[in-house]
Amino acid sequence: MTEEHFWLIIQKSFDACSGKTDEQAGTLAKELRKLLPDEIAAFAHHVGVYHRQAYSWELWGAAYLINGGCSDDGFADFRSWLISRGKDWYQQALINPDSLADYPGLEFRSASFEEFAYVASQVHEKLAGDLPESCLSLDPDEPVGTAWPEDDEKIFRTRWPKLFAQFPIAEKGAAPAPWFKRIISLVFPGNRDRPDRR
């Protein structure tokens, strides 16, 4: 499957439901059921590739602002949402994550699409069993770019000015207070240092 074919399928699924995430999983499944199992596997492979390409601190910061915090799983769901928006928005966001502030109808905690990641595997399973392992991939150990401290409002205002203007941390309370982090570290001593975004 070419990249062009992949993005065409995404766009068709988007157009069929005007981009509503509660419906797009169904419209995407409908498009995938038109394909052969090998093509569905190729589609799933492309999804993994685009997930990895979007694994950056810059995009994670954008997701953090839009969704009022962002765990590991939450960032995966955000990247699924971003891919589901289509080629133009995806590529633009890779270059400048702050451009997502211009996405039509973007609302607080709206940039998430967990179901998207499972559509190809569910369709393939019904037609030919589990996806080949070669289609499945893990994120790198660390995102690309420079990490950010979640309690530093100035960093967010500087690196994502347009998104911060729409979804300011101070008003939304996205970053947990230090005392809350301390409690989490005591209750769950095995947790990493970034409990609310990892």
C-alpha atoms as a PDB file:
ATOM      1  CA  MET A   1       0.000   0.000   0.000  1.00  0.00           C
ATOM      2  CA  THR A   2       1.365   3.406  -0.940  1.00  0.00           C
ATOM      3  CA  GLU A   3       1.276   6.396   1.373  1.00  0.00           C
ATOM      4  CA  GLU A   4      -1.164   8.051  -1.015  1.00  0.00           C
ATOM      5  CA  HIS A   5      -3.558   5.102  -0.755  1.00  0.00           C
ATOM      6  CA  PHE A   6      -3.280   5.121   3.037  1.00  0.00           C
ATOM      7  CA  TRP A   7      -4.159   8.798   3.290  1.00  0.00           C
ATOM      8  CA  LEU A   8      -6.975   8.390   0.783  1.00  0.00           C
ATOM      9  CA  ILE A   9      -8.575   5.766   3.047  1.00  0.00           C
ATOM     10  CA  ILE A  10      -8.181   8.072   6.044  1.00  0.00           C
ATOM     11  CA  GLN A  11      -9.762  10.954   4.135  1.00  0.00           C
ATOM     12  CA  LYS A  12     -12.697   8.848   2.946  1.00  0.00           C
ATOM     13  CA  SER A  13     -13.391   7.673   6.484  1.00  0.00           C
ATOM     14  CA  PHE A  14     -13.163  11.263   7.707  1.00  0.00           C
ATOM     15  CA  ASP A  15     -15.432  12.697   5.028  1.00  0.00           C
ATOM     16  CA  ALA A  16     -18.067  10.015   5.557  1.00  0.00           C
ATOM     17  CA  CYS A  17     -18.708  11.232   9.097  1.00  0.00           C
ATOM     18  CA  SER A  18     -17.456  14.833   8.989  1.00  0.00           C
ATOM     19  CA  GLY A  19     -14.557  13.803  11.223  1.00  0.00           C
ATOM     20  CA  LYS A  20     -16.655  12.834  14.235  1.00  0.00           C
ATOM     21  CA  THR A  21     -14.482  10.423  16.204  1.00  0.00           C
ATOM     22  CA  ASP A  22     -17.467   8.582  17.669  1.00  0.00           C
ATOM     23  CA  GLU A  23     -18.415   7.607  14.100  1.00  0.00           C
ATOM     24  CA  GLN A  24     -15.100   7.483  12.255  1.00  0.00           C
ATOM     25  CA  ALA A  25     -14.063   4.103  13.650  1.00  0.00           C
ATOM     26  CA  GLY A  26     -17.095   2.678  11.854  1.00  0.00           C
ATOM     27  CA  THR A  27     -16.496   4.500   8.582  1.00  0.00           C
ATOM     28  CA  LEU A  28     -12.836   3.462   8.643  1.00  0.00           C
ATOM     29  CA  ALA A  29     -13.774  -0.169   9.246  1.00  0.00           C
ATOM     30  CA  LYS A  30     -16.141   0.045   6.289  1.00  0.00           C
ATOM     31  CA  GLU A  31     -13.302   1.239   4.039  1.00  0.00           C
ATOM     32  CA  LEU A  32     -10.906  -1.435   5.303  1.00  0.00           C
ATOM     33  CA  ARG A  33     -13.394  -4.229   4.683  1.00  0.00           C
ATOM     34  CA  LYS A  34     -13.055  -3.417   0.966  1.00  0.00           C
ATOM     35  CA  LEU A  35      -9.392  -4.452   1.077  1.00  0.00           C
ATOM     36  CA  LEU A  36      -7.540  -7.757   1.009  1.00  0.00           C
ATOM     37  CA  PRO A  37      -5.961  -8.943   4.289  1.00  0.00           C
ATOM     38  CA  ASP A  38      -2.459  -8.036   3.057  1.00  0.00           C
ATOM     39  CA  GLU A  39      -3.638  -4.516   2.313  1.00  0.00           C
ATOM     40  CA  ILE A  40      -5.213  -4.189   5.753  1.00  0.00           C
ATOM     41  CA  ALA A  41      -1.914  -5.322   7.278  1.00  0.00           C
ATOM     42  CA  ALA A  42      -0.104  -2.708   5.201  1.00  0.00           C
ATOM     43  CA  PHE A  43      -2.533  -0.071   6.441  1.00  0.00           C
ATOM     44  CA  ALA A  44      -1.801  -1.096  10.040  1.00  0.00           C
ATOM     45  CA  HIS A  45       1.923  -0.853   9.309  1.00  0.00           C
ATOM     46  CA  HIS A  46       1.477   2.708   8.055  1.00  0.00           C
ATOM     47  CA  VAL A  47      -0.421   3.618  11.218  1.00  0.00           C
ATOM     48  CA  GLY A  48       2.538   2.416  13.272  1.00  0.00           C
ATOM     49  CA  VAL A  49       5.001   4.374  11.161  1.00  0.00           C
ATOM     50  CA  TYR A  50       3.041   7.603  11.525  1.00  0.00           C
ATOM     51  CA  HIS A  51       2.634   7.037  15.258  1.00  0.00           C
ATOM     52  CA  ARG A  52       6.414   6.787  15.636  1.00  0.00           C
ATOM     53  CA  GLN A  53       7.042   9.835  13.459  1.00  0.00           C
ATOM     54  CA  ALA A  54       4.800  11.868  15.743  1.00  0.00           C
ATOM     55  CA  TYR A  55       6.543  10.718  18.933  1.00  0.00           C
ATOM     56  CA  SER A  56       8.052  14.081  19.847  1.00  0.00           C
ATOM     57  CA  TRP A  57       8.102  16.308  22.897  1.00  0.00           C
ATOM     58  CA  GLU A  58       6.731  19.165  20.821  1.00  0.00           C
ATOM     59  CA  LEU A  59       3.594  17.234  19.925  1.00  0.00           C
ATOM     60  CA  TRP A  60       3.316  15.833  23.449  1.00  0.00           C
ATOM     61  CA  GLY A  61       3.312  19.383  24.780  1.00  0.00           C
ATOM     62  CA  ALA A  62       0.548  20.321  22.369  1.00  0.00           C
ATOM     63  CA  ALA A  63      -1.462  17.282  23.463  1.00  0.00           C
ATOM     64  CA  TYR A  64      -0.841  18.177  27.109  1.00  0.00           C
ATOM     65  CA  LEU A  65      -2.362  21.606  26.640  1.00  0.00           C
ATOM     66  CA  ILE A  66      -5.293  20.549  24.475  1.00  0.00           C
ATOM     67  CA  ASN A  67      -6.290  17.611  26.656  1.00  0.00           C
ATOM     68  CA  GLY A  68      -5.499  19.061  30.055  1.00  0.00           C
ATOM     69  CA  GLY A  69      -2.687  16.602  30.759  1.00  0.00           C
ATOM     70  CA  CYS A  70      -1.389  13.649  28.782  1.00  0.00           C
ATOM     71  CA  SER A  71      -0.226  10.208  29.914  1.00  0.00           C
ATOM     72  CA  ASP A  72       1.635   7.673  27.771  1.00  0.00           C
ATOM     73  CA  ASP A  73      -1.640   6.114  26.679  1.00  0.00           C
ATOM     74  CA  GLY A  74      -3.174   9.529  26.266  1.00  0.00           C
ATOM     75  CA  PHE A  75      -0.394  10.582  23.915  1.00  0.00           C
ATOM     76  CA  ALA A  76      -0.936   7.445  21.835  1.00  0.00           C
ATOM     77  CA  ASP A  77      -4.648   8.292  21.606  1.00  0.00           C
ATOM     78  CA  PHE A  78      -3.757  11.870  20.660  1.00  0.00           C
ATOM     79  CA  ARG A  79      -1.499  10.664  17.838  1.00  0.00           C
ATOM     80  CA  SER A  80      -4.278   8.389  16.605  1.00  0.00           C
ATOM     81  CA  TRP A  81      -6.576  11.412  16.574  1.00  0.00           C
ATOM     82  CA  LEU A  82      -3.974  13.423  14.682  1.00  0.00           C
ATOM     83  CA  ILE A  83      -3.532  10.746  12.007  1.00  0.00           C
ATOM     84  CA  SER A  84      -7.304  10.438  11.665  1.00  0.00           C
ATOM     85  CA  ARG A  85      -7.558  14.157  10.841  1.00  0.00           C
ATOM     86  CA  GLY A  86      -5.844  13.515   7.507  1.00  0.00           C
ATOM     87  CA  LYS A  87      -2.547  14.079   5.762  1.00  0.00           C
ATOM     88  CA  ASP A  88      -2.537  17.888   5.709  1.00  0.00           C
ATOM     89  CA  TRP A  89      -3.213  18.383   9.420  1.00  0.00           C
ATOM     90  CA  TYR A  90      -0.846  15.575  10.358  1.00  0.00           C
ATOM     91  CA  GLN A  91       2.065  16.926   8.357  1.00  0.00           C
ATOM     92  CA  GLN A  92       1.430  20.501   9.430  1.00  0.00           C
ATOM     93  CA  ALA A  93       1.374  19.470  13.089  1.00  0.00           C
ATOM     94  CA  LEU A  94       4.674  17.602  12.724  1.00  0.00           C
ATOM     95  CA  ILE A  95       6.289  20.801  11.501  1.00  0.00           C
ATOM     96  CA  ASN A  96       4.500  23.145  13.909  1.00  0.00           C
ATOM     97  CA  PRO A  97       2.403  21.524  16.664  1.00  0.00           C
ATOM     98  CA  ASP A  98       1.138  24.938  17.750  1.00  0.00           C
ATOM     99  CA  SER A  99      -0.722  25.138  14.412  1.00  0.00           C
ATOM    100  CA  LEU A 100      -3.305  22.760  15.898  1.00  0.00           C
ATOM    101  CA  ALA A 101      -4.743  25.834  17.583  1.00  0.00           C
ATOM    102  CA  ASP A 102      -6.254  26.578  14.158  1.00  0.00           C
ATOM    103  CA  TYR A 103      -7.965  23.195  13.847  1.00  0.00           C
ATOM    104  CA  PRO A 104     -11.701  23.864  13.302  1.00  0.00           C
ATOM    105  CA  GLY A 105     -13.832  23.226  16.351  1.00  0.00           C
ATOM    106  CA  LEU A 106     -10.948  22.164  18.581  1.00  0.00           C
ATOM    107  CA  GLU A 107     -12.211  21.914  22.156  1.00  0.00           C
ATOM    108  CA  PHE A 108     -10.638  21.192  25.512  1.00  0.00           C
ATOM    109  CA  ARG A 109      -9.986  17.448  25.929  1.00  0.00           C
ATOM    110  CA  SER A 110     -11.282  16.673  22.433  1.00  0.00           C
ATOM    111  CA  ALA A 111      -8.069  15.487  20.721  1.00  0.00           C
ATOM    112  CA  SER A 112      -8.208  11.774  21.492  1.00  0.00           C
ATOM    113  CA  PHE A 113      -9.230   8.747  19.444  1.00  0.00           C
ATOM    114  CA  GLU A 114      -8.393   5.469  21.198  1.00  0.00           C
ATOM    115  CA  GLU A 115     -10.536   3.273  18.925  1.00  0.00           C
ATOM    116  CA  PHE A 116      -8.618   4.322  15.805  1.00  0.00           C
ATOM    117  CA  ALA A 117      -5.599   2.228  16.756  1.00  0.00           C
ATOM    118  CA  TYR A 118      -7.624  -1.001  16.876  1.00  0.00           C
ATOM    119  CA  VAL A 119      -9.766  -0.763  13.749  1.00  0.00           C
ATOM    120  CA  ALA A 120      -7.320  -2.420  11.345  1.00  0.00           C
ATOM    121  CA  SER A 121      -6.545  -5.301  13.706  1.00  0.00           C
ATOM    122  CA  GLN A 122     -10.246  -5.923  14.365  1.00  0.00           C
ATOM    123  CA  VAL A 123     -11.129  -5.982  10.671  1.00  0.00           C
ATOM    124  CA  HIS A 124      -8.138  -8.165   9.824  1.00  0.00           C
ATOM    125  CA  GLU A 125      -8.961 -10.589  12.635  1.00  0.00           C
ATOM    126  CA  LYS A 126     -12.457 -11.175  11.276  1.00  0.00           C
ATOM    127  CA  LEU A 127     -11.130 -11.793   7.765  1.00  0.00           C
ATOM    128  CA  ALA A 128      -7.861 -13.631   8.320  1.00  0.00           C
ATOM    129  CA  GLY A 129      -6.910 -13.803  11.986  1.00  0.00           C
ATOM    130  CA  ASP A 130      -4.380 -11.747  13.904  1.00  0.00           C
ATOM    131  CA  LEU A 131      -2.236  -9.169  12.184  1.00  0.00           C
ATOM    132  CA  PRO A 132       1.324 -10.283  11.365  1.00  0.00           C
ATOM    133  CA  GLU A 133       3.804  -9.273  14.058  1.00  0.00           C
ATOM    134  CA  SER A 134       5.679  -7.261  11.449  1.00  0.00           C
ATOM    135  CA  CYS A 135       2.779  -4.779  11.475  1.00  0.00           C
ATOM    136  CA  LEU A 136       3.132  -4.094  15.172  1.00  0.00           C
ATOM    137  CA  SER A 137       5.704  -1.637  16.467  1.00  0.00           C
ATOM    138  CA  LEU A 138       6.686   0.071  19.686  1.00  0.00           C
ATOM    139  CA  ASP A 139       7.553   3.704  20.258  1.00  0.00           C
ATOM    140  CA  PRO A 140      11.215   4.637  20.740  1.00  0.00           C
ATOM    141  CA  ASP A 141      12.496   4.794  24.315  1.00  0.00           C
ATOM    142  CA  GLU A 142      12.194   8.574  24.393  1.00  0.00           C
ATOM    143  CA  PRO A 143      10.378  11.176  22.288  1.00  0.00           C
ATOM    144  CA  VAL A 144      12.374  13.280  19.868  1.00  0.00           C
ATOM    145  CA  GLY A 145      13.251  16.795  20.951  1.00  0.00           C
ATOM    146  CA  THR A 146      13.536  18.655  24.231  1.00  0.00           C
ATOM    147  CA  ALA A 147      11.508  17.587  27.253  1.00  0.00           C
ATOM    148  CA  TRP A 148       9.481  20.131  29.187  1.00  0.00           C
ATOM    149  CA  PRO A 149       8.654  20.530  32.890  1.00  0.00           C
ATOM    150  CA  GLU A 150       4.888  20.252  33.230  1.00  0.00           C
ATOM    151  CA  ASP A 151       4.688  22.813  36.032  1.00  0.00           C
ATOM    152  CA  ASP A 152       6.494  25.583  34.120  1.00  0.00           C
ATOM    153  CA  GLU A 153       3.798  27.817  32.668  1.00  0.00           C
ATOM    154  CA  LYS A 154       6.371  30.038  30.958  1.00  0.00           C
ATOM    155  CA  ILE A 155       7.673  27.127  28.886  1.00  0.00           C
ATOM    156  CA  PHE A 156       4.210  26.329  27.564  1.00  0.00           C
ATOM    157  CA  ARG A 157       3.456  29.964  26.834  1.00  0.00           C
ATOM    158  CA  THR A 158       6.721  30.290  24.896  1.00  0.00           C
ATOM    159  CA  ARG A 159       6.773  27.018  22.957  1.00  0.00           C
ATOM    160  CA  TRP A 160       3.038  26.752  22.195  1.00  0.00           C
ATOM    161  CA  PRO A 161       1.755  30.364  22.366  1.00  0.00           C
ATOM    162  CA  LYS A 162      -1.419  29.863  20.317  1.00  0.00           C
ATOM    163  CA  LEU A 163      -2.445  26.684  22.095  1.00  0.00           C
ATOM    164  CA  PHE A 164      -1.610  28.182  25.481  1.00  0.00           C
ATOM    165  CA  ALA A 165      -3.861  31.147  24.683  1.00  0.00           C
ATOM    166  CA  GLN A 166      -6.734  28.704  24.101  1.00  0.00           C
ATOM    167  CA  PHE A 167      -5.937  26.182  26.821  1.00  0.00           C
ATOM    168  CA  PRO A 168      -3.878  27.902  29.552  1.00  0.00           C
ATOM    169  CA  ILE A 169      -2.522  25.572  32.209  1.00  0.00           C
ATOM    170  CA  ALA A 170      -3.256  28.015  35.011  1.00  0.00           C
ATOM    171  CA  GLU A 171      -6.965  28.070  34.223  1.00  0.00           C
ATOM    172  CA  LYS A 172      -7.374  24.398  33.389  1.00  0.00           C
ATOM    173  CA  GLY A 173      -5.187  23.058  36.164  1.00  0.00           C
ATOM    174  CA  ALA A 174      -3.542  20.617  33.799  1.00  0.00           C
ATOM    175  CA  ALA A 175      -0.364  20.186  35.789  1.00  0.00           C
ATOM    176  CA  PRO A 176      -0.729  18.406  39.144  1.00  0.00           C
ATOM    177  CA  ALA A 177       0.485  20.171  42.244  1.00  0.00           C
ATOM    178  CA  PRO A 178       3.833  19.081  43.750  1.00  0.00           C
ATOM    179  CA  TRP A 179       2.101  17.684  46.870  1.00  0.00           C
ATOM    180  CA  PHE A 180      -0.023  15.413  44.645  1.00  0.00           C
ATOM    181  CA  LYS A 181       3.073  14.120  42.874  1.00  0.00           C
ATOM    182  CA  ARG A 182       4.650  13.412  46.267  1.00  0.00           C
ATOM    183  CA  ILE A 183       1.629  11.351  47.344  1.00  0.00           C
ATOM    184  CA  ILE A 184       1.710   9.384  44.093  1.00  0.00           C
ATOM    185  CA  SER A 185       5.412   8.637  44.558  1.00  0.00           C
ATOM    186  CA  LEU A 186       4.757   7.341  48.084  1.00  0.00           C
ATOM    187  CA  VAL A 187       1.749   5.228  47.176  1.00  0.00           C
ATOM    188  CA  PHE A 188       3.291   3.928  43.944  1.00  0.00           C
ATOM    189  CA  PRO A 189       7.066   3.924  44.545  1.00  0.00           C
ATOM    190  CA  GLY A 190       7.695   2.181  41.225  1.00  0.00           C
ATOM    191  CA  ASN A 191       6.179   5.020  39.214  1.00  0.00           C
ATOM    192  CA  ARG A 192       8.314   7.226  37.031  1.00  0.00           C
ATOM    193  CA  ASP A 193       8.854  10.891  37.709  1.00  0.00           C
ATOM    194  CA  ARG A 194       6.192  11.927  35.203  1.00  0.00           C
ATOM    195  CA  PRO A 195       3.020  10.239  36.536  1.00  0.00           C
ATOM    196  CA  ASP A 196       0.542  12.492  34.814  1.00  0.00           C
ATOM    197  CA  ARG A 197       1.958  12.384  31.297  1.00  0.00           C
ATOM    198  CA  ARG A 198       3.722   8.991  31.243  1.00  0.00           C
END
